[in-house]
Amino acid sequence: MELLVIFALLIGVMWLMTSRGRKQQREAATFRSELEPGQEVMTGSGLFGTVVSVEGEVVTLEIAPGVTTRWLRPAIGKPPATAEPDVDVEDEDAVLEDPEAAAPEPGDDTTTR
């Protein structure tokens, strides 16, 4: 009986793990099938670009102004992350208020040998 419970738990954990992977694969396939010009993308290797054209399985990306590259559709990974970094402007200003205060005086050798 105990072995049956352990086996059922193992099957349940495996199902949860694979269902998450299948869901991610479906979302990625949907994203790649709906590519259109003007869309920001990131390739599987981490290159960011803007879709210029889609011709069958070939996607042309503009990676810099006037610079285009051709990629196979499966190589397009996902949309780039749009989350803004959590930078508190007040804290940043406080740190940068007096940059000379942290700088050593010329000729002041405080290093040890």
Protein backbone atom coordinates (compact mmCIF):
# COMPACT_ATOMS: atom_id res chain seq x y z
CA MET A 1 0.00 0.00 0.00
CA GLU A 2 2.82 2.41 0.89
CA LEU A 3 4.54 1.66 -2.38
CA LEU A 4 1.35 2.50 -4.26
CA VAL A 5 1.13 5.93 -2.56
CA ILE A 6 4.78 6.72 -3.36
CA PHE A 7 4.24 5.62 -6.97
CA ALA A 8 1.12 7.84 -7.26
CA LEU A 9 3.03 10.84 -5.87
CA LEU A 10 5.88 10.24 -8.29
CA ILE A 11 3.45 10.10 -11.24
CA GLY A 12 1.78 13.32 -10.03
CA VAL A 13 5.09 15.20 -9.75
CA MET A 14 6.19 14.03 -13.20
CA TRP A 15 2.86 15.12 -14.72
CA LEU A 16 3.14 18.61 -13.15
CA MET A 17 6.70 19.02 -14.43
CA THR A 18 5.87 17.97 -17.98
CA SER A 19 2.65 20.00 -18.18
CA ARG A 20 4.58 23.20 -17.39
CA GLY A 21 7.08 22.39 -20.14
CA ARG A 22 4.34 21.66 -22.66
CA LYS A 23 2.61 24.94 -21.80
CA GLN A 24 5.85 26.91 -22.37
CA GLN A 25 6.41 25.12 -25.69
CA ARG A 26 2.87 25.97 -26.83
CA GLU A 27 3.33 29.65 -25.87
CA ALA A 28 6.65 29.84 -27.74
CA ALA A 29 5.16 28.19 -30.84
CA THR A 30 2.22 30.61 -30.76
CA PHE A 31 4.58 33.57 -30.42
CA ARG A 32 6.70 32.43 -33.38
CA SER A 33 3.64 31.77 -35.57
CA GLU A 34 2.32 35.30 -34.96
CA LEU A 35 5.52 37.20 -35.82
CA GLU A 36 4.94 40.40 -37.77
CA PRO A 37 7.06 43.37 -38.88
CA GLY A 38 7.81 45.93 -36.19
CA GLN A 39 7.76 43.41 -33.36
CA GLU A 40 10.68 43.34 -30.90
CA VAL A 41 12.14 39.83 -30.41
CA MET A 42 15.04 38.02 -28.81
CA THR A 43 16.64 35.04 -30.50
CA GLY A 44 17.48 31.85 -28.67
CA SER A 45 21.12 32.97 -28.56
CA GLY A 46 20.24 36.31 -26.95
CA LEU A 47 20.37 38.68 -29.94
CA PHE A 48 17.76 41.45 -29.78
CA GLY A 49 16.17 42.85 -32.91
CA THR A 50 13.06 44.14 -34.63
CA VAL A 51 11.23 42.01 -37.19
CA VAL A 52 11.52 43.59 -40.65
CA SER A 53 9.90 40.85 -42.70
CA VAL A 54 8.61 37.29 -42.41
CA GLU A 55 8.85 35.06 -45.50
CA GLY A 56 7.75 31.52 -44.69
CA GLU A 57 10.29 30.11 -42.25
CA VAL A 58 12.78 32.99 -42.69
CA VAL A 59 12.55 36.04 -40.42
CA THR A 60 14.61 39.15 -41.18
CA LEU A 61 15.64 41.12 -38.09
CA GLU A 62 17.07 44.62 -37.87
CA ILE A 63 19.66 44.49 -35.11
CA ALA A 64 21.01 48.03 -35.56
CA PRO A 65 19.90 50.90 -37.79
CA GLY A 66 20.42 49.64 -41.36
CA VAL A 67 21.82 46.25 -40.29
CA THR A 68 19.62 43.22 -40.98
CA THR A 69 20.14 39.51 -40.40
CA ARG A 70 18.12 36.49 -41.51
CA TRP A 71 16.98 33.84 -39.02
CA LEU A 72 14.94 30.68 -39.19
CA ARG A 73 11.63 31.07 -37.38
CA PRO A 74 12.44 28.36 -34.75
CA ALA A 75 15.54 30.36 -33.73
CA ILE A 76 13.37 33.24 -32.51
CA GLY A 77 13.11 32.69 -28.77
CA LYS A 78 10.72 35.11 -27.13
CA PRO A 79 9.76 38.73 -26.75
CA PRO A 80 12.33 40.73 -24.80
CA ALA A 81 11.62 41.33 -21.12
CA THR A 82 9.84 44.63 -20.62
CA ALA A 83 10.28 44.93 -16.87
CA GLU A 84 11.77 48.22 -15.76
CA PRO A 85 14.70 47.94 -13.36
CA ASP A 86 13.90 48.88 -9.78
CA VAL A 87 16.07 51.99 -9.43
CA ASP A 88 15.06 54.51 -6.81
CA VAL A 89 16.13 57.90 -8.18
CA GLU A 90 16.41 59.42 -4.72
CA ASP A 91 18.83 56.72 -3.55
CA GLU A 92 20.89 57.02 -6.74
CA ASP A 93 21.19 60.80 -6.30
CA ALA A 94 22.19 60.37 -2.67
CA VAL A 95 25.04 58.07 -3.62
CA LEU A 96 26.25 60.35 -6.41
CA GLU A 97 25.89 63.65 -4.52
CA ASP A 98 29.58 64.17 -3.78
CA PRO A 99 31.77 61.91 -5.93
CA GLU A 100 34.93 63.74 -4.79
CA ALA A 101 34.31 62.79 -1.17
CA ALA A 102 35.19 59.15 -1.88
CA ALA A 103 38.16 59.91 -4.13
CA PRO A 104 41.59 59.80 -2.43
CA GLU A 105 43.72 62.91 -2.37
CA PRO A 106 46.61 63.00 -4.87
CA GLY A 107 49.72 61.59 -3.24
CA ASP A 108 47.72 59.94 -0.46
CA ASP A 109 48.93 56.34 -0.64
CA THR A 110 46.60 54.29 1.55
CA THR A 111 47.43 50.90 0.05
CA THR A 112 49.40 48.35 2.02
CA ARG A 113 52.18 46.33 0.58
